Every structure is written in C-alpha cells, then in structure tokens.
Amino acid sequence: MARLAVRPKVWPQRLRRALLGVLGLFGLLLLALGVQHLRLSGGPALGPPVPGGLRLATHNVHYIVTRRDTGLWSLADWRRRKPVLDATFKALAADLVAFQEMESFAGGSGSDENLARDWLLQQNPGYAAAATGPWREFPPTQPILYRRARLELLDQGWFFFSETPEVIYSRTFNGSWPAFAAWAEFRDRRGGTVFRVLNLHLDYSSLDNRRKSVVLIRARLADWRAAGHSMVVLGDFNALAGSALLAPLEAEGLRFVPVPGATYHFDRGLNLFGAIDHVGLGPGLRALRPAAVFRERLGPVWPSDHYPVVVDVTFGD
C-alpha cells in the first residue's frame, strides 16, 4: 500500500501557545487526579473484627468470560486472580460476604458453573453459600458466603428489577439486561437473633432503571419491616453516598454506614470518585465502628475492579 506523503508544517505562534495551554491544563488535571487518588485512599484500616460483633462485607468481583482463553476477565485472567481473591477473602475475616457479578459467563442462556464461588468454598470449608441454587430456579450470580459456625441459614429468595419481579431473568424496566436482588435469612448462633440480608446490584447505565429498582426494593423492605424482620441491604448501588437515589431507602429506615473514599478502582487502583458500594442497616442493627475499604493488593493483580467494603455490626439500636 502506498504511503501518503505529508508535508511538514510550521505551526503559527498562536497555535503553539494554545497547545501549551492545553498541555498545562492537562497537567493540572493529572495533578488534581493524583491528589484525589491520595485523598480517597484514606479511611480506617481494616483491623481485626470487633469482639462480639458480626462482620459483614460486600464485594463486586466481576464476571469471568469462560468462552475466552486470553485477555481481560478470561479464563487465563481468572487463573491469575483466583489466589488473590482467596487471599483477600481470608483477609476480610468476615462472617458474611455478599458478592456481585460472581458469574462464569459462557454466552449461553445459563449454567450452574460458578468458578469463583466454588473456588472460595473449596478453599474455605468453614463457609457455605446462601442466595444461590440451580440456575433455572435461582440466579447464581449474587451468592452470599457465610461462616457456618456463626450463622444458620433459614431461608432465601430473589426478585428481579422489572415489571414482573417474580419472573426469573426478566429484563429490567427499559428492556436491558436482567438485574436483581438476592436475599437470605439467617439466625445468629450466638444470640439467636434472626435477620435478613438483601444483596443487590443496580443497573450501571440507566438512572431510570436504578430509580425504579429502588422503588421496588423499598416496597419489599416495607413488607419485611412490617413483619418484624431485622435487615441489612448491601451491594453495588452504582450511586454515590448522599445520592437522592438512596433517599427512599433511608425513608424506609435504613441507615447507610459512611464508606470512606473509592470502592471502584478501574482494576488499576485508581480512586477517582467516592464509594458506590454501600451497607445499609435497618432498625435493630448498628455499626460498631466506621466502615473500612480493603485496598490492599495481595498479589501481582487485583482480585477485581472493586474493593471490598467491611462493617462490624451488632444487634440493638
């Protein structure tokens, strides 16, 4: 193929000054992002669990594309991340971890294969999985792993963010990909308290979907509260703390534990904006100390593009 001949140009003085100005602004932006990165990297250290408390965590771990052998989020990528995911899970020392995007996606209609879930259960025999089941009956991508010595599973369920929430895999309000909430009911073996955990992942791209999903969630929480259930709502809200999106849930009695700094980091440790992963506590639960975001990388790669959020709680207002 013939190359195009390009005649060298001598840039006018004004254009050179404009370019230098743009480069200067870009440099200031990079500096500001660096400061933001440092500012949002703070917050309390994780530390050991508070004695007598119940440690809860939420972690979006990104799905695995099993039809790809190489590249980002492929099977080869999963093999690099799996020991780091396990090390991170162990470091949390949580009694309960709610996961989002814990899916092995082959591109078909569904599968019972869940590499990340099964790997963590294999490496951590003291835990079991709730909010999961055969894929035709229970969407398997948002399991809740819990410490069997501390918690007893009593019940579980799901509902989709759609006009037909009881129809499994029904598409969201605007017809885009299905999104849902999974829940599990536990009894605390230490004190006998029964409580429900709602694990959600709101649509990342559609604000209208998120708003309508929150309306549906609020209605479910109102029913639970009327029935006397203690409850925790946690997961990937795709909304910043203080967002008007969370207000209906706060009106239903949830108190969101402040989460310091970023929880989504672009799979690069870049902390460019505040938390989008949250923990909301209903009446009857309270945080024993501020939430912690686990930002340590325990290997050559990150376990996912989100950091885990951890909160130690107790029962009683």
C-alpha atoms as a PDB file:
ATOM      1  CA  MET A   1       0.000   0.000   0.000  1.00  0.00           C
ATOM      2  CA  ALA A   2       1.414   3.382  -0.976  1.00  0.00           C
ATOM      3  CA  ARG A   3       2.162   5.779   1.872  1.00  0.00           C
ATOM      4  CA  LEU A   4       0.583   9.212   1.900  1.00  0.00           C
ATOM      5  CA  ALA A   5       3.146  11.941   1.696  1.00  0.00           C
ATOM      6  CA  VAL A   6       2.623  14.519   4.450  1.00  0.00           C
ATOM      7  CA  ARG A   7       4.216  17.924   4.087  1.00  0.00           C
ATOM      8  CA  PRO A   8       5.844  19.192   7.310  1.00  0.00           C
ATOM      9  CA  LYS A   9       4.104  22.256   8.735  1.00  0.00           C
ATOM     10  CA  VAL A  10       5.473  25.187  10.681  1.00  0.00           C
ATOM     11  CA  TRP A  11       2.871  25.949  13.389  1.00  0.00           C
ATOM     12  CA  PRO A  12       1.927  29.572  13.911  1.00  0.00           C
ATOM     13  CA  GLN A  13       2.959  31.153  17.222  1.00  0.00           C
ATOM     14  CA  ARG A  14      -0.661  31.447  18.395  1.00  0.00           C
ATOM     15  CA  LEU A  15      -1.325  27.750  17.800  1.00  0.00           C
ATOM     16  CA  ARG A  16       1.798  26.795  19.723  1.00  0.00           C
ATOM     17  CA  ARG A  17       0.693  28.927  22.685  1.00  0.00           C
ATOM     18  CA  ALA A  18      -2.765  27.336  22.585  1.00  0.00           C
ATOM     19  CA  LEU A  19      -1.263  23.859  22.584  1.00  0.00           C
ATOM     20  CA  LEU A  20       0.966  24.692  25.537  1.00  0.00           C
ATOM     21  CA  GLY A  21      -2.088  25.981  27.375  1.00  0.00           C
ATOM     22  CA  VAL A  22      -3.977  22.761  26.749  1.00  0.00           C
ATOM     23  CA  LEU A  23      -0.997  20.695  27.889  1.00  0.00           C
ATOM     24  CA  GLY A  24      -0.762  22.840  31.012  1.00  0.00           C
ATOM     25  CA  LEU A  25      -4.417  22.264  31.822  1.00  0.00           C
ATOM     26  CA  PHE A  26      -3.947  18.547  31.236  1.00  0.00           C
ATOM     27  CA  GLY A  27      -1.017  18.542  33.653  1.00  0.00           C
ATOM     28  CA  LEU A  28      -3.114  20.315  36.287  1.00  0.00           C
ATOM     29  CA  LEU A  29      -5.853  17.744  35.767  1.00  0.00           C
ATOM     30  CA  LEU A  30      -3.413  14.880  36.293  1.00  0.00           C
ATOM     31  CA  LEU A  31      -2.152  16.586  39.443  1.00  0.00           C
ATOM     32  CA  ALA A  32      -5.702  17.012  40.705  1.00  0.00           C
ATOM     33  CA  LEU A  33      -6.464  13.373  39.993  1.00  0.00           C
ATOM     34  CA  GLY A  34      -3.337  12.389  41.881  1.00  0.00           C
ATOM     35  CA  VAL A  35      -4.432  14.442  44.880  1.00  0.00           C
ATOM     36  CA  GLN A  36      -7.900  12.928  44.594  1.00  0.00           C
ATOM     37  CA  HIS A  37      -6.319   9.485  44.467  1.00  0.00           C
ATOM     38  CA  LEU A  38      -4.464  10.152  47.708  1.00  0.00           C
ATOM     39  CA  ARG A  39      -7.490  11.775  49.348  1.00  0.00           C
ATOM     40  CA  LEU A  40      -9.796   8.906  48.554  1.00  0.00           C
ATOM     41  CA  SER A  41      -7.274   6.244  49.570  1.00  0.00           C
ATOM     42  CA  GLY A  42      -7.633   7.096  53.248  1.00  0.00           C
ATOM     43  CA  GLY A  43     -10.028   5.794  55.821  1.00  0.00           C
ATOM     44  CA  PRO A  44      -9.768   3.392  58.730  1.00  0.00           C
ATOM     45  CA  ALA A  45      -7.593   0.304  58.486  1.00  0.00           C
ATOM     46  CA  LEU A  46      -9.470  -2.973  58.383  1.00  0.00           C
ATOM     47  CA  GLY A  47      -8.157  -4.371  61.642  1.00  0.00           C
ATOM     48  CA  PRO A  48      -9.450  -7.490  63.406  1.00  0.00           C
ATOM     49  CA  PRO A  49     -13.187  -7.994  63.958  1.00  0.00           C
ATOM     50  CA  VAL A  50     -14.670  -6.219  66.965  1.00  0.00           C
ATOM     51  CA  PRO A  51     -15.128  -8.789  69.765  1.00  0.00           C
ATOM     52  CA  GLY A  52     -18.777  -9.788  69.976  1.00  0.00           C
ATOM     53  CA  GLY A  53     -19.644  -8.112  66.690  1.00  0.00           C
ATOM     54  CA  LEU A  54     -20.796  -9.549  63.396  1.00  0.00           C
ATOM     55  CA  ARG A  55     -18.578  -8.696  60.441  1.00  0.00           C
ATOM     56  CA  LEU A  56     -20.370  -8.036  57.140  1.00  0.00           C
ATOM     57  CA  ALA A  57     -18.771  -7.349  53.761  1.00  0.00           C
ATOM     58  CA  THR A  58     -19.748  -6.676  50.162  1.00  0.00           C
ATOM     59  CA  HIS A  59     -17.551  -7.226  47.107  1.00  0.00           C
ATOM     60  CA  ASN A  60     -18.185  -6.935  43.373  1.00  0.00           C
ATOM     61  CA  VAL A  61     -15.765  -9.466  41.864  1.00  0.00           C
ATOM     62  CA  HIS A  62     -16.514  -9.066  38.113  1.00  0.00           C
ATOM     63  CA  TYR A  63     -17.723 -11.919  35.958  1.00  0.00           C
ATOM     64  CA  ILE A  64     -15.450 -14.449  34.226  1.00  0.00           C
ATOM     65  CA  VAL A  65     -15.877 -14.880  30.461  1.00  0.00           C
ATOM     66  CA  THR A  66     -15.349 -18.625  30.101  1.00  0.00           C
ATOM     67  CA  ARG A  67     -15.555 -18.615  26.293  1.00  0.00           C
ATOM     68  CA  ARG A  68     -12.313 -16.594  26.159  1.00  0.00           C
ATOM     69  CA  ASP A  69      -8.952 -18.202  26.854  1.00  0.00           C
ATOM     70  CA  THR A  70      -6.953 -14.983  26.986  1.00  0.00           C
ATOM     71  CA  GLY A  71      -7.486 -11.309  27.683  1.00  0.00           C
ATOM     72  CA  LEU A  72      -9.128  -9.340  30.456  1.00  0.00           C
ATOM     73  CA  TRP A  73     -11.631 -11.346  32.563  1.00  0.00           C
ATOM     74  CA  SER A  74     -10.864 -14.509  30.566  1.00  0.00           C
ATOM     75  CA  LEU A  75     -10.103 -17.991  31.936  1.00  0.00           C
ATOM     76  CA  ALA A  76      -6.380 -17.235  31.917  1.00  0.00           C
ATOM     77  CA  ASP A  77      -7.066 -13.975  33.723  1.00  0.00           C
ATOM     78  CA  TRP A  78      -9.160 -15.847  36.294  1.00  0.00           C
ATOM     79  CA  ARG A  79      -6.276 -18.254  36.956  1.00  0.00           C
ATOM     80  CA  ARG A  80      -4.093 -15.250  37.794  1.00  0.00           C
ATOM     81  CA  ARG A  81      -6.709 -13.664  40.035  1.00  0.00           C
ATOM     82  CA  LYS A  82      -8.029 -16.707  41.903  1.00  0.00           C
ATOM     83  CA  PRO A  83      -5.269 -16.950  44.554  1.00  0.00           C
ATOM     84  CA  VAL A  84      -5.533 -13.207  45.138  1.00  0.00           C
ATOM     85  CA  LEU A  85      -9.306 -13.419  45.505  1.00  0.00           C
ATOM     86  CA  ASP A  86      -8.920 -16.173  48.084  1.00  0.00           C
ATOM     87  CA  ALA A  87      -6.239 -14.246  49.983  1.00  0.00           C
ATOM     88  CA  THR A  88      -8.476 -11.169  50.004  1.00  0.00           C
ATOM     89  CA  PHE A  89     -11.466 -13.200  51.191  1.00  0.00           C
ATOM     90  CA  LYS A  90      -9.422 -14.627  54.064  1.00  0.00           C
ATOM     91  CA  ALA A  91      -8.046 -11.205  54.986  1.00  0.00           C
ATOM     92  CA  LEU A  92     -11.559  -9.800  55.417  1.00  0.00           C
ATOM     93  CA  ALA A  93     -12.220 -12.295  58.248  1.00  0.00           C
ATOM     94  CA  ALA A  94     -15.911 -11.654  57.673  1.00  0.00           C
ATOM     95  CA  ASP A  95     -18.827 -13.692  58.975  1.00  0.00           C
ATOM     96  CA  LEU A  96     -20.758 -12.883  55.816  1.00  0.00           C
ATOM     97  CA  VAL A  97     -19.708 -11.626  52.383  1.00  0.00           C
ATOM     98  CA  ALA A  98     -22.251 -10.634  49.726  1.00  0.00           C
ATOM     99  CA  PHE A  99     -20.857 -10.895  46.197  1.00  0.00           C
ATOM    100  CA  GLN A 100     -21.942  -9.289  42.957  1.00  0.00           C
ATOM    101  CA  GLU A 101     -21.031 -10.365  39.407  1.00  0.00           C
ATOM    102  CA  MET A 102     -19.842 -13.733  40.716  1.00  0.00           C
ATOM    103  CA  GLU A 103     -20.611 -15.369  37.399  1.00  0.00           C
ATOM    104  CA  SER A 104     -18.909 -17.680  34.925  1.00  0.00           C
ATOM    105  CA  PHE A 105     -20.391 -16.378  31.689  1.00  0.00           C
ATOM    106  CA  ALA A 106     -20.252 -18.689  28.682  1.00  0.00           C
ATOM    107  CA  GLY A 107     -22.552 -16.630  26.485  1.00  0.00           C
ATOM    108  CA  GLY A 108     -25.460 -19.038  26.640  1.00  0.00           C
ATOM    109  CA  SER A 109     -28.774 -18.914  28.452  1.00  0.00           C
ATOM    110  CA  GLY A 110     -27.410 -20.157  31.749  1.00  0.00           C
ATOM    111  CA  SER A 111     -25.161 -22.565  33.617  1.00  0.00           C
ATOM    112  CA  ASP A 112     -24.602 -23.945  37.094  1.00  0.00           C
ATOM    113  CA  GLU A 113     -20.868 -23.340  36.680  1.00  0.00           C
ATOM    114  CA  ASN A 114     -19.606 -20.658  39.062  1.00  0.00           C
ATOM    115  CA  LEU A 115     -15.819 -20.811  39.208  1.00  0.00           C
ATOM    116  CA  ALA A 116     -15.279 -18.071  41.786  1.00  0.00           C
ATOM    117  CA  ARG A 117     -17.987 -19.275  44.181  1.00  0.00           C
ATOM    118  CA  ASP A 118     -16.843 -22.884  44.026  1.00  0.00           C
ATOM    119  CA  TRP A 119     -13.180 -21.924  44.376  1.00  0.00           C
ATOM    120  CA  LEU A 120     -13.771 -19.907  47.540  1.00  0.00           C
ATOM    121  CA  LEU A 121     -15.916 -22.634  49.089  1.00  0.00           C
ATOM    122  CA  GLN A 122     -13.225 -25.208  48.301  1.00  0.00           C
ATOM    123  CA  GLN A 123     -10.510 -23.059  49.878  1.00  0.00           C
ATOM    124  CA  ASN A 124     -12.637 -22.032  52.877  1.00  0.00           C
ATOM    125  CA  PRO A 125     -14.517 -25.097  54.164  1.00  0.00           C
ATOM    126  CA  GLY A 126     -15.838 -23.180  57.173  1.00  0.00           C
ATOM    127  CA  TYR A 127     -18.148 -21.220  54.843  1.00  0.00           C
ATOM    128  CA  ALA A 128     -21.290 -22.124  52.934  1.00  0.00           C
ATOM    129  CA  ALA A 129     -23.189 -20.339  50.170  1.00  0.00           C
ATOM    130  CA  ALA A 130     -26.649 -18.807  50.513  1.00  0.00           C
ATOM    131  CA  ALA A 131     -28.745 -16.967  47.919  1.00  0.00           C
ATOM    132  CA  THR A 132     -27.783 -19.420  45.222  1.00  0.00           C
ATOM    133  CA  GLY A 133     -29.106 -22.577  43.612  1.00  0.00           C
ATOM    134  CA  PRO A 134     -29.739 -24.340  40.293  1.00  0.00           C
ATOM    135  CA  TRP A 135     -29.727 -21.599  37.667  1.00  0.00           C
ATOM    136  CA  ARG A 136     -33.219 -22.367  36.367  1.00  0.00           C
ATOM    137  CA  GLU A 137     -34.612 -21.776  39.852  1.00  0.00           C
ATOM    138  CA  PHE A 138     -32.260 -19.281  41.470  1.00  0.00           C
ATOM    139  CA  PRO A 139     -29.989 -16.723  39.756  1.00  0.00           C
ATOM    140  CA  PRO A 140     -26.488 -17.791  40.871  1.00  0.00           C
ATOM    141  CA  THR A 141     -24.511 -14.587  40.316  1.00  0.00           C
ATOM    142  CA  GLN A 142     -25.009 -12.879  43.705  1.00  0.00           C
ATOM    143  CA  PRO A 143     -24.248 -15.527  46.315  1.00  0.00           C
ATOM    144  CA  ILE A 144     -23.773 -14.733  49.988  1.00  0.00           C
ATOM    145  CA  LEU A 145     -20.978 -16.704  51.634  1.00  0.00           C
ATOM    146  CA  TYR A 146     -21.399 -17.081  55.393  1.00  0.00           C
ATOM    147  CA  ARG A 147     -19.452 -18.611  58.261  1.00  0.00           C
ATOM    148  CA  ARG A 148     -21.315 -21.761  59.247  1.00  0.00           C
ATOM    149  CA  ALA A 149     -20.091 -21.711  62.862  1.00  0.00           C
ATOM    150  CA  ARG A 150     -21.642 -18.264  63.357  1.00  0.00           C
ATOM    151  CA  LEU A 151     -24.761 -18.197  61.168  1.00  0.00           C
ATOM    152  CA  GLU A 152     -27.552 -20.618  60.369  1.00  0.00           C
ATOM    153  CA  LEU A 153     -29.342 -20.247  57.026  1.00  0.00           C
ATOM    154  CA  LEU A 154     -33.139 -20.231  57.415  1.00  0.00           C
ATOM    155  CA  ASP A 155     -34.499 -19.051  54.064  1.00  0.00           C
ATOM    156  CA  GLN A 156     -33.547 -17.383  50.798  1.00  0.00           C
ATOM    157  CA  GLY A 157     -35.118 -15.783  47.757  1.00  0.00           C
ATOM    158  CA  TRP A 158     -34.810 -13.277  44.910  1.00  0.00           C
ATOM    159  CA  PHE A 159     -36.724 -10.720  42.889  1.00  0.00           C
ATOM    160  CA  PHE A 160     -35.869  -9.055  39.603  1.00  0.00           C
ATOM    161  CA  PHE A 161     -35.874  -5.343  38.926  1.00  0.00           C
ATOM    162  CA  SER A 162     -38.616  -5.471  36.332  1.00  0.00           C
ATOM    163  CA  GLU A 163     -42.346  -5.138  35.775  1.00  0.00           C
ATOM    164  CA  THR A 164     -42.548  -8.865  36.582  1.00  0.00           C
ATOM    165  CA  PRO A 165     -40.166  -9.237  39.542  1.00  0.00           C
ATOM    166  CA  GLU A 166     -41.150 -12.850  40.267  1.00  0.00           C
ATOM    167  CA  VAL A 167     -40.233 -13.975  36.730  1.00  0.00           C
ATOM    168  CA  ILE A 168     -36.668 -15.207  36.779  1.00  0.00           C
ATOM    169  CA  TYR A 169     -34.310 -13.430  34.349  1.00  0.00           C
ATOM    170  CA  SER A 170     -36.998 -10.932  33.335  1.00  0.00           C
ATOM    171  CA  ARG A 171     -35.423  -7.869  31.769  1.00  0.00           C
ATOM    172  CA  THR A 172     -35.233  -4.528  33.527  1.00  0.00           C
ATOM    173  CA  PHE A 173     -37.786  -1.765  33.216  1.00  0.00           C
ATOM    174  CA  ASN A 174     -36.297  -0.379  30.000  1.00  0.00           C
ATOM    175  CA  GLY A 175     -35.729  -3.813  28.475  1.00  0.00           C
ATOM    176  CA  SER A 176     -31.982  -4.019  29.116  1.00  0.00           C
ATOM    177  CA  TRP A 177     -30.072  -6.852  30.788  1.00  0.00           C
ATOM    178  CA  PRO A 178     -31.682  -8.519  33.822  1.00  0.00           C
ATOM    179  CA  ALA A 179     -30.743  -7.205  37.258  1.00  0.00           C
ATOM    180  CA  PHE A 180     -31.966  -8.465  40.574  1.00  0.00           C
ATOM    181  CA  ALA A 181     -31.718  -8.627  44.348  1.00  0.00           C
ATOM    182  CA  ALA A 182     -30.979 -11.858  46.189  1.00  0.00           C
ATOM    183  CA  TRP A 183     -31.720 -12.274  49.875  1.00  0.00           C
ATOM    184  CA  ALA A 184     -31.078 -14.733  52.667  1.00  0.00           C
ATOM    185  CA  GLU A 185     -32.402 -15.048  56.205  1.00  0.00           C
ATOM    186  CA  PHE A 186     -30.042 -16.105  58.988  1.00  0.00           C
ATOM    187  CA  ARG A 187     -30.083 -16.883  62.683  1.00  0.00           C
ATOM    188  CA  ASP A 188     -27.089 -15.683  64.671  1.00  0.00           C
ATOM    189  CA  ARG A 189     -25.915 -18.738  66.611  1.00  0.00           C
ATOM    190  CA  ARG A 190     -24.501 -16.576  69.403  1.00  0.00           C
ATOM    191  CA  GLY A 191     -27.598 -14.661  70.367  1.00  0.00           C
ATOM    192  CA  GLY A 192     -30.371 -16.243  68.363  1.00  0.00           C
ATOM    193  CA  THR A 193     -31.275 -13.046  66.501  1.00  0.00           C
ATOM    194  CA  VAL A 194     -32.889 -13.608  63.113  1.00  0.00           C
ATOM    195  CA  PHE A 195     -32.153 -11.114  60.328  1.00  0.00           C
ATOM    196  CA  ARG A 196     -32.348 -10.785  56.558  1.00  0.00           C
ATOM    197  CA  VAL A 197     -29.603  -9.717  54.155  1.00  0.00           C
ATOM    198  CA  LEU A 198     -30.551  -8.197  50.797  1.00  0.00           C
ATOM    199  CA  ASN A 199     -27.751  -8.290  48.235  1.00  0.00           C
ATOM    200  CA  LEU A 200     -28.289  -6.046  45.212  1.00  0.00           C
ATOM    201  CA  HIS A 201     -26.599  -4.832  42.060  1.00  0.00           C
ATOM    202  CA  LEU A 202     -28.287  -1.852  40.420  1.00  0.00           C
ATOM    203  CA  ASP A 203     -28.030  -1.056  36.706  1.00  0.00           C
ATOM    204  CA  TYR A 204     -24.813   0.846  35.965  1.00  0.00           C
ATOM    205  CA  SER A 205     -26.002   2.584  32.796  1.00  0.00           C
ATOM    206  CA  SER A 206     -29.630   3.637  33.335  1.00  0.00           C
ATOM    207  CA  LEU A 207     -30.621   6.075  36.089  1.00  0.00           C
ATOM    208  CA  ASP A 208     -34.280   5.389  35.337  1.00  0.00           C
ATOM    209  CA  ASN A 209     -33.723   1.667  35.912  1.00  0.00           C
ATOM    210  CA  ARG A 210     -31.965   2.420  39.198  1.00  0.00           C
ATOM    211  CA  ARG A 211     -34.789   4.670  40.388  1.00  0.00           C
ATOM    212  CA  LYS A 212     -37.493   2.142  39.563  1.00  0.00           C
ATOM    213  CA  SER A 213     -35.453  -0.621  41.157  1.00  0.00           C
ATOM    214  CA  VAL A 214     -35.177   1.353  44.383  1.00  0.00           C
ATOM    215  CA  VAL A 215     -38.958   1.860  44.421  1.00  0.00           C
ATOM    216  CA  LEU A 216     -39.371  -1.911  44.208  1.00  0.00           C
ATOM    217  CA  ILE A 217     -36.746  -2.526  46.886  1.00  0.00           C
ATOM    218  CA  ARG A 218     -38.409  -0.042  49.212  1.00  0.00           C
ATOM    219  CA  ALA A 219     -41.742  -1.837  48.861  1.00  0.00           C
ATOM    220  CA  ARG A 220     -40.106  -5.163  49.746  1.00  0.00           C
ATOM    221  CA  LEU A 221     -38.341  -3.639  52.739  1.00  0.00           C
ATOM    222  CA  ALA A 222     -41.611  -2.130  53.936  1.00  0.00           C
ATOM    223  CA  ASP A 223     -43.151  -5.601  53.899  1.00  0.00           C
ATOM    224  CA  TRP A 224     -40.193  -7.043  55.784  1.00  0.00           C
ATOM    225  CA  ARG A 225     -40.245  -4.281  58.343  1.00  0.00           C
ATOM    226  CA  ALA A 226     -43.993  -4.719  58.895  1.00  0.00           C
ATOM    227  CA  ALA A 227     -43.312  -8.419  59.524  1.00  0.00           C
ATOM    228  CA  GLY A 228     -40.720  -7.509  62.150  1.00  0.00           C
ATOM    229  CA  HIS A 229     -37.599  -8.570  60.239  1.00  0.00           C
ATOM    230  CA  SER A 230     -34.234  -7.052  61.081  1.00  0.00           C
ATOM    231  CA  MET A 231     -32.483  -6.317  57.798  1.00  0.00           C
ATOM    232  CA  VAL A 232     -29.266  -5.367  56.078  1.00  0.00           C
ATOM    233  CA  VAL A 233     -29.103  -4.066  52.493  1.00  0.00           C
ATOM    234  CA  LEU A 234     -25.725  -4.096  50.809  1.00  0.00           C
ATOM    235  CA  GLY A 235     -24.111  -4.357  47.404  1.00  0.00           C
ATOM    236  CA  ASP A 236     -23.169  -2.339  44.340  1.00  0.00           C
ATOM    237  CA  PHE A 237     -25.629   0.573  44.124  1.00  0.00           C
ATOM    238  CA  ASN A 238     -23.828   2.389  41.284  1.00  0.00           C
ATOM    239  CA  ALA A 239     -24.660   5.571  43.197  1.00  0.00           C
ATOM    240  CA  LEU A 240     -22.536   7.808  45.391  1.00  0.00           C
ATOM    241  CA  ALA A 241     -23.176   8.309  49.073  1.00  0.00           C
ATOM    242  CA  GLY A 242     -25.681  11.088  49.625  1.00  0.00           C
ATOM    243  CA  SER A 243     -27.302  10.463  46.255  1.00  0.00           C
ATOM    244  CA  ALA A 244     -31.027  11.139  46.034  1.00  0.00           C
ATOM    245  CA  LEU A 245     -31.289   7.562  44.805  1.00  0.00           C
ATOM    246  CA  LEU A 246     -30.687   6.302  48.354  1.00  0.00           C
ATOM    247  CA  ALA A 247     -33.217   8.623  49.988  1.00  0.00           C
ATOM    248  CA  PRO A 248     -36.255   6.295  49.579  1.00  0.00           C
ATOM    249  CA  LEU A 249     -34.359   3.519  51.329  1.00  0.00           C
ATOM    250  CA  GLU A 250     -33.352   5.864  54.134  1.00  0.00           C
ATOM    251  CA  ALA A 251     -37.003   6.849  54.441  1.00  0.00           C
ATOM    252  CA  GLU A 252     -37.755   3.165  54.979  1.00  0.00           C
ATOM    253  CA  GLY A 253     -35.453   3.116  57.996  1.00  0.00           C
ATOM    254  CA  LEU A 254     -32.062   2.194  56.508  1.00  0.00           C
ATOM    255  CA  ARG A 255     -29.007   3.941  57.886  1.00  0.00           C
ATOM    256  CA  PHE A 256     -26.101   3.838  55.465  1.00  0.00           C
ATOM    257  CA  VAL A 257     -22.738   3.402  57.106  1.00  0.00           C
ATOM    258  CA  PRO A 258     -20.363   6.071  55.718  1.00  0.00           C
ATOM    259  CA  VAL A 259     -17.823   4.463  53.376  1.00  0.00           C
ATOM    260  CA  PRO A 260     -14.539   6.396  53.062  1.00  0.00           C
ATOM    261  CA  GLY A 261     -13.363   7.094  49.529  1.00  0.00           C
ATOM    262  CA  ALA A 262     -13.488   4.989  46.414  1.00  0.00           C
ATOM    263  CA  THR A 263     -14.744   1.422  46.098  1.00  0.00           C
ATOM    264  CA  TYR A 264     -14.470   1.120  42.299  1.00  0.00           C
ATOM    265  CA  HIS A 265     -10.878   1.459  41.064  1.00  0.00           C
ATOM    266  CA  PHE A 266     -10.905   0.554  37.329  1.00  0.00           C
ATOM    267  CA  ASP A 267      -8.828  -2.592  38.026  1.00  0.00           C
ATOM    268  CA  ARG A 268      -5.869  -0.222  38.419  1.00  0.00           C
ATOM    269  CA  GLY A 269      -6.041   1.004  41.999  1.00  0.00           C
ATOM    270  CA  LEU A 270      -7.268   4.391  40.706  1.00  0.00           C
ATOM    271  CA  ASN A 271      -9.521   6.071  43.253  1.00  0.00           C
ATOM    272  CA  LEU A 272     -11.145   8.806  41.205  1.00  0.00           C
ATOM    273  CA  PHE A 273     -14.536   9.177  42.897  1.00  0.00           C
ATOM    274  CA  GLY A 274     -16.371   8.178  46.044  1.00  0.00           C
ATOM    275  CA  ALA A 275     -17.957   4.911  47.089  1.00  0.00           C
ATOM    276  CA  ILE A 276     -20.638   3.206  45.009  1.00  0.00           C
ATOM    277  CA  ASP A 277     -20.722   0.054  47.162  1.00  0.00           C
ATOM    278  CA  HIS A 278     -22.680   0.541  50.386  1.00  0.00           C
ATOM    279  CA  VAL A 279     -24.035  -1.125  53.523  1.00  0.00           C
ATOM    280  CA  GLY A 280     -27.403  -0.014  54.906  1.00  0.00           C
ATOM    281  CA  LEU A 281     -28.553  -1.164  58.349  1.00  0.00           C
ATOM    282  CA  GLY A 282     -32.195  -1.415  59.279  1.00  0.00           C
ATOM    283  CA  PRO A 283     -33.694  -0.883  62.734  1.00  0.00           C
ATOM    284  CA  GLY A 284     -32.212  -3.264  65.256  1.00  0.00           C
ATOM    285  CA  LEU A 285     -28.659  -3.137  63.897  1.00  0.00           C
ATOM    286  CA  ARG A 286     -25.891  -0.608  64.380  1.00  0.00           C
ATOM    287  CA  ALA A 287     -22.294  -0.246  63.256  1.00  0.00           C
ATOM    288  CA  LEU A 288     -19.642  -0.729  65.930  1.00  0.00           C
ATOM    289  CA  ARG A 289     -17.112   1.412  64.067  1.00  0.00           C
ATOM    290  CA  PRO A 290     -16.781   3.144  60.698  1.00  0.00           C
ATOM    291  CA  ALA A 291     -16.790   1.072  57.546  1.00  0.00           C
ATOM    292  CA  ALA A 292     -13.426   0.051  56.127  1.00  0.00           C
ATOM    293  CA  VAL A 293     -12.474  -0.345  52.483  1.00  0.00           C
ATOM    294  CA  PHE A 294      -9.877  -3.050  51.884  1.00  0.00           C
ATOM    295  CA  ARG A 295      -7.460  -1.530  49.363  1.00  0.00           C
ATOM    296  CA  GLU A 296      -4.518  -3.896  49.731  1.00  0.00           C
ATOM    297  CA  ARG A 297      -3.393  -5.829  46.683  1.00  0.00           C
ATOM    298  CA  LEU A 298      -2.328  -9.253  47.939  1.00  0.00           C
ATOM    299  CA  GLY A 299      -0.623 -10.427  44.769  1.00  0.00           C
ATOM    300  CA  PRO A 300       0.519  -9.327  41.318  1.00  0.00           C
ATOM    301  CA  VAL A 301      -3.030  -8.452  40.236  1.00  0.00           C
ATOM    302  CA  TRP A 302      -6.202  -7.152  41.862  1.00  0.00           C
ATOM    303  CA  PRO A 303      -8.933  -9.676  42.620  1.00  0.00           C
ATOM    304  CA  SER A 304     -11.433  -7.457  40.741  1.00  0.00           C
ATOM    305  CA  ASP A 305     -12.152  -3.867  39.766  1.00  0.00           C
ATOM    306  CA  HIS A 306     -13.921  -3.137  43.089  1.00  0.00           C
ATOM    307  CA  TYR A 307     -12.585  -3.052  46.632  1.00  0.00           C
ATOM    308  CA  PRO A 308     -14.419  -4.951  49.378  1.00  0.00           C
ATOM    309  CA  VAL A 309     -16.321  -2.877  51.961  1.00  0.00           C
ATOM    310  CA  VAL A 310     -16.375  -4.211  55.538  1.00  0.00           C
ATOM    311  CA  VAL A 311     -18.569  -3.217  58.514  1.00  0.00           C
ATOM    312  CA  ASP A 312     -18.649  -4.653  62.042  1.00  0.00           C
ATOM    313  CA  VAL A 313     -22.196  -4.534  63.431  1.00  0.00           C
ATOM    314  CA  THR A 314     -24.174  -5.575  66.465  1.00  0.00           C
ATOM    315  CA  PHE A 315     -27.838  -6.116  67.198  1.00  0.00           C
ATOM    316  CA  GLY A 316     -29.673  -3.423  69.121  1.00  0.00           C
ATOM    317  CA  ASP A 317     -30.255   0.270  68.407  1.00  0.00           C
END
